Amino acid sequence: MDDDATQTSRTVRIDGRRFAGVTNSAGGEVGSGTVFTYHQEGGTVWADYGGGAVRKGFLVGTRTGGTLDFRYSHLGVTGDTAGGRCTSEIEMLADGRVRLHESWAWESRPGTGTSVLEEIR
């Protein structure tokens, strides 16, 4: 297994890592109660998520170096479905955890924004 201290944003594996929302723009539905579990096989990434305003969600996409590009779809606690696209930049934190800086846009309704997810252990 790779030592987290030697990893960079371009080389760190995100498979099996769990993340929670830290910040989000108005109009976003991900918050501190939303937990993501990421998976990675080569350049393919996917995750399932839920909590807070999201009953159940999924994302799928690709990874190139330290950048993730994906589409997401989820069911809110209100029963509404929503989906969009997102680009995330990976940052390695000094303690070995990963932070994701996201730029997202709804495709199912108007709205764009940014958010930050941080790995939880």
N, C-alpha and C. Protein backbone atom coordinates (compact mmCIF):
# COMPACT_ATOMS: atom_id res chain seq x y z
N MET A 1 0.85 -1.19 0.00
CA MET A 1 0.00 0.00 0.00
C MET A 1 0.89 1.24 0.00
N ASP A 2 0.49 2.26 -0.71
CA ASP A 2 1.25 3.50 -0.80
C ASP A 2 1.14 4.29 0.50
N ASP A 3 2.23 4.93 0.87
CA ASP A 3 2.25 5.80 2.04
C ASP A 3 1.62 7.13 1.66
N ASP A 4 0.57 7.56 2.38
CA ASP A 4 -0.13 8.82 2.07
C ASP A 4 0.82 10.01 2.04
N ALA A 5 1.90 9.97 2.84
CA ALA A 5 2.82 11.11 2.91
C ALA A 5 3.57 11.33 1.60
N THR A 6 3.70 10.29 0.77
CA THR A 6 4.43 10.42 -0.49
C THR A 6 3.50 10.67 -1.68
N GLN A 7 2.21 10.69 -1.44
CA GLN A 7 1.24 10.87 -2.51
C GLN A 7 1.09 12.34 -2.88
N THR A 8 0.73 12.56 -4.14
CA THR A 8 0.41 13.91 -4.61
C THR A 8 -1.03 13.89 -5.11
N SER A 9 -1.55 15.05 -5.45
CA SER A 9 -2.92 15.14 -5.96
C SER A 9 -3.08 14.34 -7.26
N ARG A 10 -2.00 14.14 -7.99
CA ARG A 10 -2.05 13.40 -9.25
C ARG A 10 -1.93 11.89 -9.07
N THR A 11 -1.39 11.45 -7.92
CA THR A 11 -1.13 10.02 -7.75
C THR A 11 -1.96 9.35 -6.66
N VAL A 12 -2.53 10.09 -5.76
CA VAL A 12 -3.26 9.49 -4.64
C VAL A 12 -4.49 8.73 -5.16
N ARG A 13 -4.67 7.53 -4.62
CA ARG A 13 -5.87 6.76 -4.98
C ARG A 13 -7.03 7.22 -4.09
N ILE A 14 -8.19 7.33 -4.68
CA ILE A 14 -9.36 7.74 -3.89
C ILE A 14 -10.30 6.57 -3.61
N ASP A 15 -9.94 5.38 -4.09
CA ASP A 15 -10.76 4.20 -3.90
C ASP A 15 -10.98 3.91 -2.42
N GLY A 16 -12.23 3.81 -2.02
CA GLY A 16 -12.58 3.50 -0.64
C GLY A 16 -12.57 4.67 0.32
N ARG A 17 -12.18 5.83 -0.15
CA ARG A 17 -12.14 7.00 0.74
C ARG A 17 -13.54 7.58 0.89
N ARG A 18 -13.83 8.08 2.10
CA ARG A 18 -15.12 8.69 2.42
C ARG A 18 -14.93 10.19 2.61
N PHE A 19 -15.89 10.95 2.10
CA PHE A 19 -15.83 12.41 2.14
C PHE A 19 -17.14 12.97 2.67
N ALA A 20 -17.08 14.16 3.26
CA ALA A 20 -18.27 14.89 3.70
C ALA A 20 -18.17 16.33 3.21
N GLY A 21 -19.33 16.95 3.01
CA GLY A 21 -19.37 18.33 2.57
C GLY A 21 -18.85 19.27 3.65
N VAL A 22 -18.04 20.26 3.22
CA VAL A 22 -17.51 21.27 4.14
C VAL A 22 -18.15 22.62 3.82
N THR A 23 -18.17 22.99 2.53
CA THR A 23 -18.81 24.23 2.10
C THR A 23 -19.55 23.95 0.80
N ASN A 24 -20.55 24.79 0.52
CA ASN A 24 -21.31 24.68 -0.73
C ASN A 24 -21.95 26.02 -1.03
N SER A 25 -22.07 26.31 -2.32
CA SER A 25 -22.76 27.52 -2.76
C SER A 25 -24.25 27.39 -2.51
N ALA A 26 -24.92 28.54 -2.47
CA ALA A 26 -26.38 28.54 -2.38
C ALA A 26 -26.93 27.77 -3.57
N GLY A 27 -27.97 27.01 -3.35
CA GLY A 27 -28.57 26.23 -4.43
C GLY A 27 -28.03 24.82 -4.51
N GLY A 28 -26.95 24.53 -3.78
CA GLY A 28 -26.42 23.17 -3.72
C GLY A 28 -27.12 22.40 -2.62
N GLU A 29 -27.13 21.08 -2.73
CA GLU A 29 -27.83 20.25 -1.74
C GLU A 29 -26.89 19.42 -0.87
N VAL A 30 -25.61 19.48 -1.13
CA VAL A 30 -24.64 18.73 -0.34
C VAL A 30 -24.21 19.57 0.87
N GLY A 31 -24.22 18.94 2.04
CA GLY A 31 -23.81 19.63 3.26
C GLY A 31 -22.99 18.72 4.13
N SER A 32 -22.76 19.14 5.37
CA SER A 32 -21.91 18.37 6.28
C SER A 32 -22.49 17.00 6.60
N GLY A 33 -23.80 16.84 6.45
CA GLY A 33 -24.44 15.55 6.70
C GLY A 33 -24.42 14.61 5.51
N THR A 34 -23.89 15.07 4.38
CA THR A 34 -23.83 14.24 3.17
C THR A 34 -22.48 13.53 3.12
N VAL A 35 -22.52 12.20 3.07
CA VAL A 35 -21.30 11.41 3.05
C VAL A 35 -21.19 10.67 1.72
N PHE A 36 -20.00 10.78 1.10
CA PHE A 36 -19.69 10.14 -0.18
C PHE A 36 -18.70 9.02 0.06
N THR A 37 -18.88 7.89 -0.61
CA THR A 37 -17.87 6.83 -0.65
C THR A 37 -17.43 6.69 -2.09
N TYR A 38 -16.16 7.00 -2.34
CA TYR A 38 -15.60 6.99 -3.69
C TYR A 38 -14.96 5.65 -4.03
N HIS A 39 -14.97 5.33 -5.32
CA HIS A 39 -14.33 4.13 -5.85
C HIS A 39 -13.55 4.52 -7.09
N GLN A 40 -12.48 3.78 -7.36
CA GLN A 40 -11.64 4.08 -8.51
C GLN A 40 -11.07 2.80 -9.08
N GLU A 41 -11.19 2.64 -10.40
CA GLU A 41 -10.51 1.57 -11.14
C GLU A 41 -9.84 2.25 -12.32
N GLY A 42 -8.53 2.40 -12.25
CA GLY A 42 -7.82 3.11 -13.31
C GLY A 42 -8.34 4.53 -13.41
N GLY A 43 -8.75 4.94 -14.61
CA GLY A 43 -9.27 6.28 -14.83
C GLY A 43 -10.76 6.42 -14.61
N THR A 44 -11.42 5.35 -14.14
CA THR A 44 -12.86 5.39 -13.89
C THR A 44 -13.12 5.63 -12.41
N VAL A 45 -14.00 6.59 -12.10
CA VAL A 45 -14.38 6.88 -10.71
C VAL A 45 -15.89 6.86 -10.59
N TRP A 46 -16.36 6.46 -9.42
CA TRP A 46 -17.78 6.51 -9.11
C TRP A 46 -17.95 6.60 -7.60
N ALA A 47 -19.12 7.01 -7.18
CA ALA A 47 -19.39 7.13 -5.75
C ALA A 47 -20.88 6.99 -5.50
N ASP A 48 -21.20 6.59 -4.29
CA ASP A 48 -22.58 6.68 -3.81
C ASP A 48 -22.55 7.65 -2.63
N TYR A 49 -23.66 8.34 -2.43
CA TYR A 49 -23.71 9.33 -1.36
C TYR A 49 -25.12 9.50 -0.84
N GLY A 50 -25.21 10.06 0.35
CA GLY A 50 -26.50 10.32 0.97
C GLY A 50 -26.30 11.02 2.29
N GLY A 51 -27.39 11.54 2.82
CA GLY A 51 -27.38 12.25 4.09
C GLY A 51 -27.74 13.71 3.89
N GLY A 52 -28.20 14.34 4.94
CA GLY A 52 -28.64 15.74 4.83
C GLY A 52 -29.83 15.83 3.90
N ALA A 53 -29.77 16.70 2.90
CA ALA A 53 -30.88 16.91 1.98
C ALA A 53 -30.97 15.83 0.90
N VAL A 54 -30.01 14.90 0.88
CA VAL A 54 -29.96 13.87 -0.16
C VAL A 54 -30.29 12.50 0.43
N ARG A 55 -31.37 11.90 -0.10
CA ARG A 55 -31.73 10.56 0.36
C ARG A 55 -30.76 9.53 -0.21
N LYS A 56 -30.50 9.57 -1.52
CA LYS A 56 -29.58 8.62 -2.17
C LYS A 56 -29.06 9.25 -3.44
N GLY A 57 -27.75 9.14 -3.67
CA GLY A 57 -27.17 9.71 -4.87
C GLY A 57 -26.03 8.87 -5.42
N PHE A 58 -25.74 9.09 -6.70
CA PHE A 58 -24.67 8.38 -7.38
C PHE A 58 -23.93 9.34 -8.29
N LEU A 59 -22.63 9.11 -8.46
CA LEU A 59 -21.88 9.84 -9.47
C LEU A 59 -21.00 8.86 -10.21
N VAL A 60 -20.71 9.20 -11.47
CA VAL A 60 -19.84 8.36 -12.29
C VAL A 60 -19.08 9.25 -13.26
N GLY A 61 -17.80 8.91 -13.47
CA GLY A 61 -17.01 9.73 -14.39
C GLY A 61 -15.60 9.22 -14.55
N THR A 62 -14.71 10.17 -14.87
CA THR A 62 -13.34 9.82 -15.18
C THR A 62 -12.36 10.66 -14.35
N ARG A 63 -11.15 10.14 -14.28
CA ARG A 63 -10.07 10.86 -13.59
C ARG A 63 -8.89 10.99 -14.54
N THR A 64 -8.38 12.21 -14.64
CA THR A 64 -7.16 12.47 -15.37
C THR A 64 -6.23 13.23 -14.43
N GLY A 65 -5.16 12.58 -13.98
CA GLY A 65 -4.25 13.20 -13.03
C GLY A 65 -4.99 13.56 -11.75
N GLY A 66 -4.96 14.83 -11.38
CA GLY A 66 -5.61 15.30 -10.17
C GLY A 66 -6.99 15.89 -10.38
N THR A 67 -7.61 15.56 -11.54
CA THR A 67 -8.93 16.11 -11.87
C THR A 67 -9.95 15.01 -12.07
N LEU A 68 -11.12 15.18 -11.46
CA LEU A 68 -12.25 14.27 -11.65
C LEU A 68 -13.32 15.00 -12.45
N ASP A 69 -13.86 14.35 -13.48
CA ASP A 69 -15.00 14.89 -14.25
C ASP A 69 -16.12 13.86 -14.19
N PHE A 70 -17.30 14.29 -13.73
CA PHE A 70 -18.38 13.31 -13.59
C PHE A 70 -19.77 13.93 -13.72
N ARG A 71 -20.73 13.06 -13.84
CA ARG A 71 -22.14 13.40 -13.78
C ARG A 71 -22.68 12.83 -12.47
N TYR A 72 -23.63 13.53 -11.87
CA TYR A 72 -24.25 13.06 -10.64
C TYR A 72 -25.77 13.07 -10.79
N SER A 73 -26.40 12.21 -10.01
CA SER A 73 -27.86 12.11 -9.98
C SER A 73 -28.26 11.70 -8.58
N HIS A 74 -29.27 12.38 -8.04
CA HIS A 74 -29.72 11.97 -6.71
C HIS A 74 -31.20 12.22 -6.47
N LEU A 75 -31.67 11.57 -5.41
CA LEU A 75 -33.04 11.71 -4.93
C LEU A 75 -32.97 12.49 -3.62
N GLY A 76 -33.66 13.63 -3.59
CA GLY A 76 -33.67 14.44 -2.38
C GLY A 76 -34.65 13.91 -1.36
N VAL A 77 -34.54 14.38 -0.13
CA VAL A 77 -35.44 13.94 0.93
C VAL A 77 -36.88 14.39 0.66
N THR A 78 -37.04 15.37 -0.23
CA THR A 78 -38.39 15.84 -0.61
C THR A 78 -39.03 14.95 -1.66
N GLY A 79 -38.25 14.00 -2.22
CA GLY A 79 -38.76 13.12 -3.26
C GLY A 79 -38.46 13.59 -4.67
N ASP A 80 -37.81 14.74 -4.81
CA ASP A 80 -37.44 15.27 -6.13
C ASP A 80 -36.12 14.66 -6.59
N THR A 81 -36.02 14.39 -7.89
CA THR A 81 -34.75 13.94 -8.45
C THR A 81 -34.03 15.13 -9.06
N ALA A 82 -32.70 15.04 -9.09
CA ALA A 82 -31.89 16.13 -9.63
C ALA A 82 -30.60 15.54 -10.18
N GLY A 83 -30.01 16.24 -11.14
CA GLY A 83 -28.75 15.77 -11.69
C GLY A 83 -27.96 16.91 -12.29
N GLY A 84 -26.67 16.64 -12.49
CA GLY A 84 -25.81 17.65 -13.07
C GLY A 84 -24.43 17.12 -13.37
N ARG A 85 -23.51 18.05 -13.55
CA ARG A 85 -22.12 17.69 -13.86
C ARG A 85 -21.20 18.43 -12.89
N CYS A 86 -19.99 17.87 -12.73
CA CYS A 86 -19.06 18.44 -11.77
C CYS A 86 -17.63 18.14 -12.19
N THR A 87 -16.75 19.08 -11.91
CA THR A 87 -15.31 18.88 -12.04
C THR A 87 -14.70 19.12 -10.67
N SER A 88 -13.89 18.17 -10.21
CA SER A 88 -13.25 18.28 -8.90
C SER A 88 -11.74 18.26 -9.05
N GLU A 89 -11.08 19.14 -8.32
CA GLU A 89 -9.62 19.16 -8.26
C GLU A 89 -9.21 18.58 -6.91
N ILE A 90 -8.27 17.63 -6.95
CA ILE A 90 -7.82 16.94 -5.75
C ILE A 90 -6.70 17.74 -5.09
N GLU A 91 -6.80 17.88 -3.76
CA GLU A 91 -5.75 18.51 -2.97
C GLU A 91 -5.35 17.54 -1.86
N MET A 92 -4.07 17.35 -1.67
CA MET A 92 -3.57 16.55 -0.55
C MET A 92 -3.38 17.48 0.66
N LEU A 93 -3.94 17.08 1.79
CA LEU A 93 -3.77 17.85 3.02
C LEU A 93 -2.52 17.37 3.76
N ALA A 94 -1.98 18.19 4.63
CA ALA A 94 -0.75 17.87 5.36
C ALA A 94 -0.88 16.61 6.20
N ASP A 95 -2.11 16.28 6.65
CA ASP A 95 -2.31 15.09 7.48
C ASP A 95 -2.57 13.83 6.67
N GLY A 96 -2.44 13.91 5.32
CA GLY A 96 -2.62 12.75 4.46
C GLY A 96 -4.03 12.56 3.94
N ARG A 97 -4.96 13.37 4.44
CA ARG A 97 -6.32 13.29 3.92
C ARG A 97 -6.41 14.01 2.58
N VAL A 98 -7.55 13.80 1.90
CA VAL A 98 -7.78 14.41 0.59
C VAL A 98 -8.91 15.42 0.70
N ARG A 99 -8.76 16.54 0.01
CA ARG A 99 -9.81 17.55 -0.11
C ARG A 99 -10.15 17.67 -1.60
N LEU A 100 -11.44 17.78 -1.91
CA LEU A 100 -11.91 17.96 -3.28
C LEU A 100 -12.52 19.35 -3.43
N HIS A 101 -12.01 20.11 -4.40
CA HIS A 101 -12.55 21.43 -4.74
C HIS A 101 -13.41 21.26 -5.98
N GLU A 102 -14.71 21.48 -5.83
CA GLU A 102 -15.66 21.16 -6.90
C GLU A 102 -16.27 22.40 -7.54
N SER A 103 -16.45 22.32 -8.84
CA SER A 103 -17.26 23.29 -9.61
C SER A 103 -18.38 22.48 -10.24
N TRP A 104 -19.62 22.81 -9.89
CA TRP A 104 -20.75 22.01 -10.34
C TRP A 104 -21.80 22.86 -11.05
N ALA A 105 -22.63 22.17 -11.81
CA ALA A 105 -23.74 22.82 -12.51
C ALA A 105 -24.90 21.82 -12.59
N TRP A 106 -26.06 22.27 -12.19
CA TRP A 106 -27.25 21.45 -12.37
C TRP A 106 -27.55 21.33 -13.86
N GLU A 107 -28.02 20.18 -14.28
CA GLU A 107 -28.54 19.99 -15.63
C GLU A 107 -30.05 19.82 -15.60
N SER A 108 -30.59 19.54 -14.42
CA SER A 108 -32.03 19.32 -14.28
C SER A 108 -32.77 20.59 -13.86
N ARG A 109 -32.03 21.65 -13.56
CA ARG A 109 -32.62 22.93 -13.16
C ARG A 109 -31.54 24.00 -13.23
N PRO A 110 -31.90 25.25 -13.12
CA PRO A 110 -30.88 26.31 -13.16
C PRO A 110 -29.99 26.29 -11.92
N GLY A 111 -28.75 26.65 -12.09
CA GLY A 111 -27.86 26.81 -10.95
C GLY A 111 -26.48 26.24 -11.17
N THR A 112 -25.49 26.97 -10.67
CA THR A 112 -24.10 26.54 -10.67
C THR A 112 -23.49 26.93 -9.34
N GLY A 113 -22.34 26.35 -9.04
CA GLY A 113 -21.69 26.73 -7.79
C GLY A 113 -20.39 26.01 -7.57
N THR A 114 -19.86 26.17 -6.39
CA THR A 114 -18.65 25.49 -5.97
C THR A 114 -18.89 24.87 -4.59
N SER A 115 -18.13 23.83 -4.32
CA SER A 115 -18.23 23.18 -3.01
C SER A 115 -16.89 22.57 -2.67
N VAL A 116 -16.73 22.20 -1.41
CA VAL A 116 -15.52 21.53 -0.94
C VAL A 116 -15.96 20.30 -0.15
N LEU A 117 -15.33 19.17 -0.47
CA LEU A 117 -15.50 17.94 0.29
C LEU A 117 -14.17 17.60 0.93
N GLU A 118 -14.21 17.08 2.17
CA GLU A 118 -12.98 16.64 2.82
C GLU A 118 -13.13 15.20 3.28
N GLU A 119 -12.03 14.48 3.17
CA GLU A 119 -12.02 13.09 3.59
C GLU A 119 -12.29 12.99 5.08
N ILE A 120 -13.10 12.01 5.45
CA ILE A 120 -13.38 11.72 6.85
C ILE A 120 -12.78 10.35 7.17
N ARG A 121 -12.24 10.24 8.35
CA ARG A 121 -11.64 8.95 8.77
C ARG A 121 -12.27 8.47 10.04
